[in-house]
Amino acid sequence: MVARIGEKAPNLKVSKWVQGFPTNIDQEKDKVILIEVFQVNCPGCFMYGIPTAIDIYKKYKDKDVRVIGLATAFEDFDKNTLENLELLINKGKVIGETYRALMQYGMLNPDGTLPYKIPFPVAMDMLVKNNGYITDKMVMDFINDRIPDFDSYPQSRKAMLIQRVREYLASKEYTALTFEEYALQGTPSSIVIDRDGILRHVSFGYDESLELIIKRLI
């Protein structure tokens, strides 16, 4: 089962807390929670997602808003690793496409490190190694969790999507448990949970409405 808007938000599946005291959704009662989901090899996460989360943290940390960073991996499993997350948190170093893009746009210090530090707790998503066996049910569950109106698509488009999802699932070396449970589409993604632990908002990419949504829940 995947998380649904308007229902109780499931706890994060965490392999390790890299920064801050271990916590989880059920431990943050009476707080509005923003979970910023990112990959270390994701330029957009460091251009948009993480800076936005830091801004919200600074503005609302004293107003019962809890911000949590969750590093995940749904691709580039050799780069989106716990080791590279620890390098980011402990030394401010970025890698791969993130390094190249941020260096190109002058968004790094001269020594190649980030000019800012992530100030909130950060954890690594739980990754489970796949066995490579893909069933029709796995394919359809993946599609139905992400495309509610799939049944209304033309048959040719359905067939194309089914094939693409099958190929994607077959190529995945690992499954990131929180990423999958919240049916995220990619990174950066933002998850917002209200004071009662109810999932209220999930978005992918730059989200201009994020701060407004949080203000309404405070």
N, C-alpha and C. Protein backbone atom coordinates (compact mmCIF):
# COMPACT_ATOMS: atom_id res chain seq x y z
N MET A 1 0.84 -1.20 0.00
CA MET A 1 0.00 0.00 0.00
C MET A 1 0.88 1.25 0.00
N VAL A 2 0.42 2.26 -0.74
CA VAL A 2 1.17 3.50 -0.77
C VAL A 2 0.46 4.56 0.06
N ALA A 3 1.22 5.58 0.44
CA ALA A 3 0.67 6.69 1.21
C ALA A 3 -0.35 7.45 0.35
N ARG A 4 -1.43 7.88 0.98
CA ARG A 4 -2.49 8.60 0.28
C ARG A 4 -2.74 9.95 0.95
N ILE A 5 -2.95 10.98 0.14
CA ILE A 5 -3.32 12.29 0.66
C ILE A 5 -4.60 12.14 1.48
N GLY A 6 -4.60 12.75 2.67
CA GLY A 6 -5.76 12.69 3.54
C GLY A 6 -5.77 11.52 4.50
N GLU A 7 -4.75 10.65 4.40
CA GLU A 7 -4.65 9.50 5.31
C GLU A 7 -3.40 9.63 6.17
N LYS A 8 -3.32 8.78 7.20
CA LYS A 8 -2.18 8.80 8.11
C LYS A 8 -0.89 8.56 7.32
N ALA A 9 0.09 9.39 7.55
CA ALA A 9 1.37 9.26 6.84
C ALA A 9 2.20 8.15 7.46
N PRO A 10 2.69 7.20 6.67
CA PRO A 10 3.54 6.14 7.22
C PRO A 10 4.91 6.68 7.63
N ASN A 11 5.49 6.06 8.62
CA ASN A 11 6.83 6.45 9.07
C ASN A 11 7.85 6.27 7.95
N LEU A 12 8.89 7.08 8.02
CA LEU A 12 10.00 6.95 7.09
C LEU A 12 10.72 5.64 7.34
N LYS A 13 11.17 5.00 6.26
CA LYS A 13 12.01 3.81 6.37
C LYS A 13 13.46 4.27 6.23
N VAL A 14 14.20 4.21 7.30
CA VAL A 14 15.52 4.82 7.36
C VAL A 14 16.60 3.76 7.60
N SER A 15 17.68 3.85 6.84
CA SER A 15 18.82 2.95 7.09
C SER A 15 19.80 3.55 8.09
N LYS A 16 19.93 4.90 8.07
CA LYS A 16 20.85 5.55 9.01
C LYS A 16 20.54 7.04 9.10
N TRP A 17 20.58 7.57 10.30
CA TRP A 17 20.52 9.03 10.50
C TRP A 17 21.94 9.56 10.41
N VAL A 18 22.18 10.41 9.45
CA VAL A 18 23.52 10.93 9.20
C VAL A 18 23.75 12.23 9.94
N GLN A 19 22.67 12.95 10.22
CA GLN A 19 22.76 14.23 10.94
C GLN A 19 21.52 14.41 11.81
N GLY A 20 21.72 14.87 13.04
CA GLY A 20 20.61 15.13 13.94
C GLY A 20 20.19 13.89 14.70
N PHE A 21 19.34 14.10 15.68
CA PHE A 21 18.84 12.98 16.49
C PHE A 21 17.83 12.17 15.68
N PRO A 22 17.87 10.85 15.81
CA PRO A 22 16.87 10.02 15.12
C PRO A 22 15.45 10.42 15.52
N THR A 23 14.57 10.49 14.54
CA THR A 23 13.18 10.84 14.78
C THR A 23 12.33 10.17 13.72
N ASN A 24 11.03 10.40 13.77
CA ASN A 24 10.16 9.90 12.71
C ASN A 24 8.83 10.61 12.82
N ILE A 25 7.94 10.34 11.88
CA ILE A 25 6.69 11.08 11.81
C ILE A 25 5.88 10.91 13.09
N ASP A 26 5.81 9.71 13.61
CA ASP A 26 5.00 9.48 14.81
C ASP A 26 5.62 10.07 16.07
N GLN A 27 6.87 10.55 15.97
CA GLN A 27 7.53 11.19 17.11
C GLN A 27 7.44 12.71 17.07
N GLU A 28 6.91 13.24 15.99
CA GLU A 28 6.82 14.70 15.82
C GLU A 28 5.36 15.14 15.96
N LYS A 29 4.73 14.76 17.05
CA LYS A 29 3.33 15.07 17.27
C LYS A 29 3.13 16.57 17.45
N ASP A 30 2.00 17.06 16.95
CA ASP A 30 1.62 18.48 17.05
C ASP A 30 2.56 19.39 16.28
N LYS A 31 3.28 18.84 15.32
CA LYS A 31 4.14 19.66 14.46
C LYS A 31 3.77 19.46 13.00
N VAL A 32 3.92 20.51 12.22
CA VAL A 32 3.83 20.39 10.76
C VAL A 32 5.18 19.89 10.28
N ILE A 33 5.18 18.87 9.43
CA ILE A 33 6.43 18.25 9.00
C ILE A 33 6.63 18.44 7.50
N LEU A 34 7.80 18.92 7.14
CA LEU A 34 8.23 18.94 5.74
C LEU A 34 9.37 17.96 5.58
N ILE A 35 9.19 16.98 4.70
CA ILE A 35 10.26 16.04 4.38
C ILE A 35 10.75 16.37 2.97
N GLU A 36 11.99 16.77 2.87
CA GLU A 36 12.59 17.09 1.57
C GLU A 36 13.39 15.88 1.11
N VAL A 37 12.93 15.25 0.04
CA VAL A 37 13.55 14.03 -0.47
C VAL A 37 14.47 14.40 -1.64
N PHE A 38 15.72 13.93 -1.58
CA PHE A 38 16.69 14.30 -2.60
C PHE A 38 17.63 13.15 -2.87
N GLN A 39 18.40 13.27 -3.93
CA GLN A 39 19.51 12.37 -4.22
C GLN A 39 20.79 13.21 -4.24
N VAL A 40 21.89 12.63 -3.83
CA VAL A 40 23.13 13.41 -3.84
C VAL A 40 23.58 13.69 -5.27
N ASN A 41 23.22 12.81 -6.20
CA ASN A 41 23.57 13.03 -7.61
C ASN A 41 22.35 13.61 -8.34
N CYS A 42 21.92 14.78 -7.90
CA CYS A 42 20.71 15.43 -8.44
C CYS A 42 20.91 16.94 -8.39
N PRO A 43 21.37 17.56 -9.48
CA PRO A 43 21.61 19.01 -9.46
C PRO A 43 20.40 19.83 -9.03
N GLY A 44 19.20 19.47 -9.53
CA GLY A 44 18.01 20.23 -9.17
C GLY A 44 17.71 20.22 -7.69
N CYS A 45 18.09 19.15 -7.01
CA CYS A 45 17.88 19.08 -5.57
C CYS A 45 18.65 20.17 -4.85
N PHE A 46 19.85 20.47 -5.34
CA PHE A 46 20.71 21.46 -4.68
C PHE A 46 20.50 22.87 -5.22
N MET A 47 19.88 22.98 -6.38
CA MET A 47 19.54 24.30 -6.91
C MET A 47 18.21 24.80 -6.39
N TYR A 48 17.27 23.88 -6.15
CA TYR A 48 15.91 24.28 -5.80
C TYR A 48 15.40 23.63 -4.51
N GLY A 49 15.39 22.30 -4.47
CA GLY A 49 14.73 21.61 -3.37
C GLY A 49 15.33 21.90 -2.01
N ILE A 50 16.62 21.66 -1.85
CA ILE A 50 17.26 21.84 -0.54
C ILE A 50 17.30 23.31 -0.13
N PRO A 51 17.66 24.26 -1.01
CA PRO A 51 17.60 25.68 -0.60
C PRO A 51 16.22 26.12 -0.16
N THR A 52 15.16 25.64 -0.82
CA THR A 52 13.80 25.98 -0.41
C THR A 52 13.51 25.42 0.97
N ALA A 53 13.91 24.17 1.21
CA ALA A 53 13.69 23.55 2.53
C ALA A 53 14.45 24.29 3.62
N ILE A 54 15.67 24.73 3.32
CA ILE A 54 16.45 25.49 4.30
C ILE A 54 15.78 26.82 4.61
N ASP A 55 15.26 27.48 3.59
CA ASP A 55 14.56 28.75 3.80
C ASP A 55 13.33 28.56 4.70
N ILE A 56 12.57 27.50 4.44
CA ILE A 56 11.39 27.21 5.27
C ILE A 56 11.81 26.88 6.70
N TYR A 57 12.88 26.12 6.84
CA TYR A 57 13.39 25.79 8.18
C TYR A 57 13.73 27.06 8.96
N LYS A 58 14.44 27.97 8.33
CA LYS A 58 14.87 29.20 9.02
C LYS A 58 13.67 30.08 9.40
N LYS A 59 12.66 30.12 8.54
CA LYS A 59 11.50 30.98 8.79
C LYS A 59 10.56 30.40 9.85
N TYR A 60 10.44 29.07 9.89
CA TYR A 60 9.35 28.48 10.67
C TYR A 60 9.80 27.48 11.73
N LYS A 61 11.09 27.39 12.00
CA LYS A 61 11.57 26.41 12.98
C LYS A 61 11.05 26.69 14.38
N ASP A 62 10.72 27.95 14.67
CA ASP A 62 10.19 28.31 15.98
C ASP A 62 8.67 28.38 15.98
N LYS A 63 8.06 27.89 14.91
CA LYS A 63 6.60 27.91 14.81
C LYS A 63 6.04 26.49 14.62
N ASP A 64 6.69 25.55 15.27
CA ASP A 64 6.24 24.15 15.27
C ASP A 64 6.26 23.53 13.88
N VAL A 65 7.24 23.91 13.07
CA VAL A 65 7.46 23.26 11.78
C VAL A 65 8.76 22.47 11.87
N ARG A 66 8.70 21.20 11.53
CA ARG A 66 9.85 20.31 11.57
C ARG A 66 10.26 19.98 10.14
N VAL A 67 11.51 20.23 9.80
CA VAL A 67 12.02 19.91 8.47
C VAL A 67 13.00 18.74 8.59
N ILE A 68 12.83 17.76 7.72
CA ILE A 68 13.69 16.56 7.70
C ILE A 68 14.17 16.33 6.28
N GLY A 69 15.44 16.09 6.11
CA GLY A 69 15.99 15.72 4.81
C GLY A 69 16.10 14.22 4.69
N LEU A 70 15.68 13.69 3.55
CA LEU A 70 15.79 12.24 3.31
C LEU A 70 16.49 12.01 1.98
N ALA A 71 17.70 11.49 2.03
CA ALA A 71 18.40 11.11 0.80
C ALA A 71 17.91 9.75 0.35
N THR A 72 17.68 9.61 -0.94
CA THR A 72 17.17 8.35 -1.47
C THR A 72 17.97 7.96 -2.71
N ALA A 73 17.55 6.89 -3.37
CA ALA A 73 18.22 6.44 -4.59
C ALA A 73 17.24 5.62 -5.41
N PHE A 74 16.88 6.15 -6.58
CA PHE A 74 16.06 5.37 -7.51
C PHE A 74 16.79 5.18 -8.83
N GLU A 75 18.03 5.68 -8.91
CA GLU A 75 18.88 5.57 -10.10
C GLU A 75 20.32 5.85 -9.65
N ASP A 76 21.27 5.65 -10.56
CA ASP A 76 22.67 5.97 -10.26
C ASP A 76 23.08 5.44 -8.87
N PHE A 77 22.85 4.15 -8.67
CA PHE A 77 23.06 3.57 -7.35
C PHE A 77 24.53 3.59 -6.93
N ASP A 78 25.44 3.75 -7.89
CA ASP A 78 26.85 3.85 -7.54
C ASP A 78 27.22 5.23 -7.01
N LYS A 79 26.35 6.22 -7.23
CA LYS A 79 26.62 7.59 -6.77
C LYS A 79 25.72 8.01 -5.62
N ASN A 80 24.46 7.58 -5.64
CA ASN A 80 23.51 7.97 -4.59
C ASN A 80 23.63 7.00 -3.41
N THR A 81 24.76 7.10 -2.75
CA THR A 81 25.12 6.15 -1.70
C THR A 81 25.17 6.82 -0.33
N LEU A 82 25.14 6.00 0.69
CA LEU A 82 25.30 6.49 2.07
C LEU A 82 26.65 7.17 2.23
N GLU A 83 27.69 6.61 1.62
CA GLU A 83 29.03 7.19 1.75
C GLU A 83 29.08 8.61 1.18
N ASN A 84 28.45 8.82 0.02
CA ASN A 84 28.45 10.15 -0.57
C ASN A 84 27.55 11.11 0.19
N LEU A 85 26.49 10.59 0.81
CA LEU A 85 25.67 11.45 1.68
C LEU A 85 26.48 11.90 2.89
N GLU A 86 27.23 11.01 3.48
CA GLU A 86 28.06 11.38 4.63
C GLU A 86 29.14 12.38 4.22
N LEU A 87 29.68 12.25 3.02
CA LEU A 87 30.65 13.21 2.51
C LEU A 87 30.00 14.59 2.38
N LEU A 88 28.76 14.62 1.91
CA LEU A 88 28.02 15.88 1.78
C LEU A 88 27.79 16.52 3.14
N ILE A 89 27.28 15.74 4.08
CA ILE A 89 26.92 16.29 5.38
C ILE A 89 28.15 16.68 6.20
N ASN A 90 29.17 15.86 6.18
CA ASN A 90 30.33 16.08 7.04
C ASN A 90 31.34 17.07 6.47
N LYS A 91 31.44 17.13 5.13
CA LYS A 91 32.46 17.98 4.53
C LYS A 91 31.92 18.96 3.49
N GLY A 92 30.62 18.89 3.21
CA GLY A 92 30.04 19.81 2.24
C GLY A 92 30.41 19.51 0.80
N LYS A 93 30.87 18.28 0.55
CA LYS A 93 31.32 17.92 -0.80
C LYS A 93 30.19 17.30 -1.60
N VAL A 94 30.07 17.72 -2.86
CA VAL A 94 29.08 17.15 -3.77
C VAL A 94 29.79 16.38 -4.87
N ILE A 95 29.04 15.52 -5.57
CA ILE A 95 29.67 14.60 -6.52
C ILE A 95 28.92 14.60 -7.85
N GLY A 96 29.54 13.98 -8.85
CA GLY A 96 28.88 13.67 -10.11
C GLY A 96 28.25 14.86 -10.81
N GLU A 97 27.00 14.66 -11.27
CA GLU A 97 26.28 15.70 -11.99
C GLU A 97 26.02 16.92 -11.11
N THR A 98 25.83 16.70 -9.84
CA THR A 98 25.62 17.82 -8.91
C THR A 98 26.83 18.72 -8.91
N TYR A 99 28.00 18.13 -8.78
CA TYR A 99 29.24 18.93 -8.78
C TYR A 99 29.41 19.69 -10.08
N ARG A 100 29.21 19.01 -11.20
CA ARG A 100 29.43 19.66 -12.50
C ARG A 100 28.46 20.82 -12.73
N ALA A 101 27.19 20.61 -12.41
CA ALA A 101 26.20 21.66 -12.63
C ALA A 101 26.41 22.85 -11.71
N LEU A 102 26.63 22.58 -10.43
CA LEU A 102 26.80 23.68 -9.49
C LEU A 102 28.09 24.45 -9.74
N MET A 103 29.14 23.76 -10.16
CA MET A 103 30.38 24.44 -10.51
C MET A 103 30.18 25.32 -11.75
N GLN A 104 29.45 24.80 -12.72
CA GLN A 104 29.18 25.55 -13.95
C GLN A 104 28.45 26.86 -13.67
N TYR A 105 27.52 26.82 -12.74
CA TYR A 105 26.72 28.01 -12.43
C TYR A 105 27.28 28.83 -11.28
N GLY A 106 28.50 28.54 -10.87
CA GLY A 106 29.15 29.32 -9.82
C GLY A 106 28.48 29.21 -8.47
N MET A 107 27.95 28.02 -8.16
CA MET A 107 27.19 27.83 -6.93
C MET A 107 27.95 27.04 -5.88
N LEU A 108 29.27 26.92 -6.08
CA LEU A 108 30.12 26.24 -5.10
C LEU A 108 31.24 27.16 -4.64
N ASN A 109 31.79 26.86 -3.48
CA ASN A 109 32.98 27.56 -3.02
C ASN A 109 34.15 27.24 -3.94
N PRO A 110 35.23 28.04 -3.91
CA PRO A 110 36.40 27.75 -4.75
C PRO A 110 36.96 26.34 -4.58
N ASP A 111 36.81 25.78 -3.39
CA ASP A 111 37.32 24.42 -3.16
C ASP A 111 36.33 23.34 -3.56
N GLY A 112 35.21 23.73 -4.18
CA GLY A 112 34.24 22.76 -4.68
C GLY A 112 33.20 22.31 -3.66
N THR A 113 33.18 22.93 -2.49
CA THR A 113 32.20 22.57 -1.47
C THR A 113 30.99 23.49 -1.53
N LEU A 114 29.90 23.04 -0.92
CA LEU A 114 28.69 23.86 -0.87
C LEU A 114 28.93 25.11 -0.02
N PRO A 115 28.34 26.24 -0.41
CA PRO A 115 28.50 27.46 0.39
C PRO A 115 27.54 27.52 1.58
N TYR A 116 26.78 26.48 1.79
CA TYR A 116 25.85 26.44 2.92
C TYR A 116 25.86 25.04 3.53
N LYS A 117 25.35 24.96 4.76
CA LYS A 117 25.23 23.67 5.44
C LYS A 117 23.76 23.37 5.65
N ILE A 118 23.38 22.14 5.43
CA ILE A 118 22.00 21.73 5.70
C ILE A 118 21.80 21.73 7.22
N PRO A 119 20.85 22.53 7.73
CA PRO A 119 20.75 22.71 9.18
C PRO A 119 19.80 21.75 9.90
N PHE A 120 19.08 20.93 9.16
CA PHE A 120 18.07 20.06 9.79
C PHE A 120 18.52 18.59 9.74
N PRO A 121 17.83 17.72 10.47
CA PRO A 121 18.20 16.30 10.46
C PRO A 121 18.14 15.70 9.06
N VAL A 122 19.06 14.80 8.78
CA VAL A 122 19.14 14.16 7.47
C VAL A 122 19.34 12.66 7.66
N ALA A 123 18.56 11.88 6.92
CA ALA A 123 18.65 10.42 7.00
C ALA A 123 18.82 9.83 5.60
N MET A 124 19.21 8.57 5.56
CA MET A 124 19.30 7.82 4.31
C MET A 124 18.14 6.86 4.22
N ASP A 125 17.45 6.88 3.09
CA ASP A 125 16.35 5.95 2.84
C ASP A 125 16.84 4.51 2.95
N MET A 126 15.93 3.62 3.29
CA MET A 126 16.27 2.20 3.36
C MET A 126 16.24 1.60 1.95
N LEU A 127 17.37 1.04 1.52
CA LEU A 127 17.47 0.42 0.20
C LEU A 127 17.49 -1.10 0.35
N VAL A 128 16.67 -1.76 -0.47
CA VAL A 128 16.61 -3.23 -0.47
C VAL A 128 17.02 -3.74 -1.84
N LYS A 129 17.96 -4.65 -1.88
CA LYS A 129 18.45 -5.16 -3.15
C LYS A 129 17.38 -6.00 -3.84
N ASN A 130 17.17 -5.75 -5.14
CA ASN A 130 16.16 -6.47 -5.91
C ASN A 130 16.71 -7.78 -6.44
N ASN A 131 15.79 -8.73 -6.67
CA ASN A 131 16.22 -10.03 -7.20
C ASN A 131 16.08 -10.13 -8.72
N GLY A 132 15.58 -9.05 -9.35
CA GLY A 132 15.45 -9.02 -10.80
C GLY A 132 14.22 -9.69 -11.36
N TYR A 133 13.37 -10.24 -10.48
CA TYR A 133 12.17 -10.95 -10.91
C TYR A 133 11.00 -9.96 -10.93
N ILE A 134 10.44 -9.69 -12.10
CA ILE A 134 9.37 -8.70 -12.28
C ILE A 134 8.08 -9.41 -12.69
N THR A 135 7.02 -9.22 -11.92
CA THR A 135 5.73 -9.82 -12.26
C THR A 135 4.80 -8.77 -12.87
N ASP A 136 3.74 -9.26 -13.53
CA ASP A 136 2.74 -8.34 -14.08
C ASP A 136 2.10 -7.51 -12.96
N LYS A 137 1.89 -8.13 -11.81
CA LYS A 137 1.28 -7.40 -10.69
C LYS A 137 2.17 -6.26 -10.22
N MET A 138 3.48 -6.50 -10.15
CA MET A 138 4.40 -5.44 -9.75
C MET A 138 4.33 -4.27 -10.72
N VAL A 139 4.25 -4.57 -12.00
CA VAL A 139 4.17 -3.51 -13.02
C VAL A 139 2.89 -2.72 -12.86
N MET A 140 1.76 -3.41 -12.74
CA MET A 140 0.47 -2.72 -12.65
C MET A 140 0.32 -1.97 -11.32
N ASP A 141 0.85 -2.52 -10.24
CA ASP A 141 0.80 -1.80 -8.96
C ASP A 141 1.58 -0.50 -9.06
N PHE A 142 2.73 -0.55 -9.70
CA PHE A 142 3.56 0.64 -9.87
C PHE A 142 2.79 1.69 -10.68
N ILE A 143 2.16 1.27 -11.76
CA ILE A 143 1.42 2.19 -12.61
C ILE A 143 0.21 2.77 -11.89
N ASN A 144 -0.57 1.93 -11.27
CA ASN A 144 -1.81 2.39 -10.63
C ASN A 144 -1.56 3.31 -9.45
N ASP A 145 -0.43 3.12 -8.77
CA ASP A 145 -0.08 4.00 -7.66
C ASP A 145 0.28 5.40 -8.13
N ARG A 146 0.73 5.53 -9.38
CA ARG A 146 1.22 6.80 -9.89
C ARG A 146 0.33 7.43 -10.97
N ILE A 147 -0.48 6.62 -11.63
CA ILE A 147 -1.33 7.12 -12.72
C ILE A 147 -2.76 6.64 -12.45
N PRO A 148 -3.50 7.38 -11.62
CA PRO A 148 -4.85 6.94 -11.24
C PRO A 148 -5.81 6.75 -12.41
N ASP A 149 -5.60 7.53 -13.49
CA ASP A 149 -6.52 7.44 -14.64
C ASP A 149 -5.96 6.57 -15.76
N PHE A 150 -5.07 5.64 -15.42
CA PHE A 150 -4.43 4.80 -16.42
C PHE A 150 -5.44 4.06 -17.28
N ASP A 151 -6.55 3.59 -16.69
CA ASP A 151 -7.54 2.81 -17.43
C ASP A 151 -8.20 3.60 -18.55
N SER A 152 -8.14 4.92 -18.48
CA SER A 152 -8.76 5.75 -19.52
C SER A 152 -7.83 6.00 -20.70
N TYR A 153 -6.58 5.55 -20.61
CA TYR A 153 -5.62 5.80 -21.68
C TYR A 153 -5.93 4.92 -22.89
N PRO A 154 -5.58 5.37 -24.10
CA PRO A 154 -5.70 4.51 -25.29
C PRO A 154 -4.84 3.26 -25.13
N GLN A 155 -5.24 2.19 -25.77
CA GLN A 155 -4.54 0.92 -25.62
C GLN A 155 -3.08 1.00 -26.01
N SER A 156 -2.77 1.77 -27.05
CA SER A 156 -1.38 1.89 -27.50
C SER A 156 -0.51 2.56 -26.45
N ARG A 157 -1.08 3.58 -25.78
CA ARG A 157 -0.31 4.27 -24.74
C ARG A 157 -0.16 3.39 -23.51
N LYS A 158 -1.19 2.64 -23.19
CA LYS A 158 -1.09 1.69 -22.08
C LYS A 158 0.05 0.71 -22.30
N ALA A 159 0.10 0.15 -23.49
CA ALA A 159 1.13 -0.84 -23.81
C ALA A 159 2.53 -0.23 -23.70
N MET A 160 2.67 1.01 -24.18
CA MET A 160 3.96 1.69 -24.11
C MET A 160 4.38 1.91 -22.66
N LEU A 161 3.44 2.37 -21.82
CA LEU A 161 3.76 2.62 -20.42
C LEU A 161 4.10 1.33 -19.68
N ILE A 162 3.35 0.27 -19.95
CA ILE A 162 3.62 -1.01 -19.32
C ILE A 162 5.03 -1.49 -19.66
N GLN A 163 5.42 -1.36 -20.91
CA GLN A 163 6.74 -1.79 -21.33
C GLN A 163 7.84 -0.94 -20.67
N ARG A 164 7.60 0.37 -20.62
CA ARG A 164 8.59 1.25 -20.00
C ARG A 164 8.75 0.96 -18.51
N VAL A 165 7.65 0.75 -17.82
CA VAL A 165 7.71 0.45 -16.39
C VAL A 165 8.40 -0.89 -16.16
N ARG A 166 8.09 -1.88 -17.00
CA ARG A 166 8.75 -3.19 -16.86
C ARG A 166 10.27 -3.04 -17.03
N GLU A 167 10.69 -2.27 -18.02
CA GLU A 167 12.12 -2.06 -18.25
C GLU A 167 12.75 -1.31 -17.08
N TYR A 168 12.03 -0.31 -16.57
CA TYR A 168 12.55 0.46 -15.43
C TYR A 168 12.72 -0.43 -14.21
N LEU A 169 11.70 -1.22 -13.88
CA LEU A 169 11.78 -2.10 -12.72
C LEU A 169 12.89 -3.14 -12.87
N ALA A 170 13.06 -3.64 -14.09
CA ALA A 170 14.10 -4.64 -14.33
C ALA A 170 15.50 -4.05 -14.18
N SER A 171 15.62 -2.74 -14.43
CA SER A 171 16.94 -2.09 -14.37
C SER A 171 17.32 -1.67 -12.96
N LYS A 172 16.37 -1.67 -12.04
CA LYS A 172 16.62 -1.19 -10.68
C LYS A 172 17.40 -2.23 -9.88
N GLU A 173 18.55 -1.81 -9.41
CA GLU A 173 19.35 -2.69 -8.56
C GLU A 173 18.80 -2.74 -7.15
N TYR A 174 18.22 -1.61 -6.71
CA TYR A 174 17.67 -1.52 -5.36
C TYR A 174 16.28 -0.88 -5.40
N THR A 175 15.52 -1.13 -4.36
CA THR A 175 14.26 -0.43 -4.13
C THR A 175 14.41 0.43 -2.89
N ALA A 176 14.12 1.72 -3.02
CA ALA A 176 14.16 2.65 -1.90
C ALA A 176 12.78 2.65 -1.25
N LEU A 177 12.69 2.18 -0.02
CA LEU A 177 11.40 1.87 0.58
C LEU A 177 10.51 3.10 0.80
N THR A 178 11.08 4.19 1.33
CA THR A 178 10.26 5.39 1.54
C THR A 178 9.86 6.00 0.21
N PHE A 179 10.78 6.06 -0.72
CA PHE A 179 10.51 6.60 -2.05
C PHE A 179 9.33 5.86 -2.69
N GLU A 180 9.32 4.55 -2.57
CA GLU A 180 8.25 3.75 -3.18
C GLU A 180 6.95 3.87 -2.38
N GLU A 181 7.04 3.89 -1.06
CA GLU A 181 5.82 3.93 -0.25
C GLU A 181 5.03 5.22 -0.47
N TYR A 182 5.75 6.30 -0.75
CA TYR A 182 5.09 7.57 -1.03
C TYR A 182 4.87 7.78 -2.53
N ALA A 183 5.17 6.76 -3.34
CA ALA A 183 4.96 6.79 -4.79
C ALA A 183 5.53 8.06 -5.41
N LEU A 184 6.75 8.40 -5.04
CA LEU A 184 7.38 9.61 -5.56
C LEU A 184 7.78 9.42 -7.01
N GLN A 185 7.78 10.53 -7.75
CA GLN A 185 8.07 10.48 -9.18
C GLN A 185 9.53 10.74 -9.49
N GLY A 186 10.25 11.30 -8.54
CA GLY A 186 11.65 11.64 -8.76
C GLY A 186 12.13 12.55 -7.65
N THR A 187 13.26 13.22 -7.89
CA THR A 187 13.77 14.17 -6.90
C THR A 187 14.14 15.47 -7.62
N PRO A 188 14.01 16.62 -6.90
CA PRO A 188 13.56 16.74 -5.51
C PRO A 188 12.06 16.53 -5.37
N SER A 189 11.65 15.96 -4.24
CA SER A 189 10.24 15.82 -3.90
C SER A 189 10.02 16.35 -2.49
N SER A 190 8.84 16.92 -2.27
CA SER A 190 8.50 17.47 -0.96
C SER A 190 7.25 16.79 -0.43
N ILE A 191 7.29 16.39 0.83
CA ILE A 191 6.17 15.74 1.50
C ILE A 191 5.78 16.61 2.69
N VAL A 192 4.49 16.94 2.80
CA VAL A 192 4.02 17.78 3.90
C VAL A 192 2.97 17.01 4.70
N ILE A 193 3.15 17.00 6.01
CA ILE A 193 2.28 16.27 6.94
C ILE A 193 1.78 17.25 8.00
N ASP A 194 0.48 17.17 8.33
CA ASP A 194 -0.07 18.13 9.28
C ASP A 194 0.17 17.72 10.73
N ARG A 195 -0.34 18.52 11.66
CA ARG A 195 -0.09 18.31 13.09
C ARG A 195 -0.65 16.99 13.60
N ASP A 196 -1.62 16.44 12.90
CA ASP A 196 -2.24 15.18 13.30
C ASP A 196 -1.62 13.98 12.60
N GLY A 197 -0.53 14.20 11.87
CA GLY A 197 0.14 13.10 11.19
C GLY A 197 -0.52 12.68 9.90
N ILE A 198 -1.36 13.55 9.33
CA ILE A 198 -2.07 13.25 8.09
C ILE A 198 -1.29 13.81 6.91
N LEU A 199 -1.11 13.00 5.89
CA LEU A 199 -0.41 13.43 4.67
C LEU A 199 -1.27 14.44 3.93
N ARG A 200 -0.72 15.63 3.68
CA ARG A 200 -1.48 16.70 3.05
C ARG A 200 -0.98 17.10 1.67
N HIS A 201 0.28 16.82 1.36
CA HIS A 201 0.81 17.34 0.10
C HIS A 201 2.06 16.56 -0.30
N VAL A 202 2.13 16.20 -1.58
CA VAL A 202 3.33 15.59 -2.15
C VAL A 202 3.59 16.25 -3.50
N SER A 203 4.80 16.71 -3.73
CA SER A 203 5.10 17.36 -5.01
C SER A 203 6.47 16.93 -5.51
N PHE A 204 6.65 17.07 -6.81
CA PHE A 204 7.91 16.70 -7.47
C PHE A 204 8.43 17.92 -8.21
N GLY A 205 9.72 18.24 -8.02
CA GLY A 205 10.30 19.39 -8.68
C GLY A 205 10.14 20.66 -7.87
N TYR A 206 10.41 21.79 -8.49
CA TYR A 206 10.29 23.08 -7.80
C TYR A 206 8.82 23.37 -7.52
N ASP A 207 8.49 23.63 -6.27
CA ASP A 207 7.10 23.79 -5.84
C ASP A 207 6.91 25.20 -5.26
N GLU A 208 6.35 26.10 -6.05
CA GLU A 208 6.15 27.47 -5.61
C GLU A 208 5.13 27.58 -4.48
N SER A 209 4.25 26.60 -4.37
CA SER A 209 3.18 26.67 -3.37
C SER A 209 3.58 26.10 -2.01
N LEU A 210 4.78 25.57 -1.90
CA LEU A 210 5.16 24.82 -0.71
C LEU A 210 5.05 25.65 0.57
N GLU A 211 5.61 26.84 0.56
CA GLU A 211 5.58 27.67 1.77
C GLU A 211 4.14 28.04 2.15
N LEU A 212 3.32 28.37 1.16
CA LEU A 212 1.94 28.72 1.43
C LEU A 212 1.18 27.56 2.07
N ILE A 213 1.42 26.34 1.57
CA ILE A 213 0.76 25.17 2.13
C ILE A 213 1.15 24.98 3.59
N ILE A 214 2.43 25.15 3.90
CA ILE A 214 2.91 25.00 5.26
C ILE A 214 2.33 26.08 6.17
N LYS A 215 2.28 27.31 5.70
CA LYS A 215 1.71 28.41 6.49
C LYS A 215 0.26 28.14 6.85
N ARG A 216 -0.48 27.54 5.93
CA ARG A 216 -1.89 27.25 6.19
C ARG A 216 -2.09 26.16 7.24
N LEU A 217 -1.06 25.31 7.41
CA LEU A 217 -1.17 24.22 8.36
C LEU A 217 -0.64 24.56 9.75
N ILE A 218 0.10 25.66 9.85
CA ILE A 218 0.67 26.05 11.15
C ILE A 218 -0.45 26.39 12.15
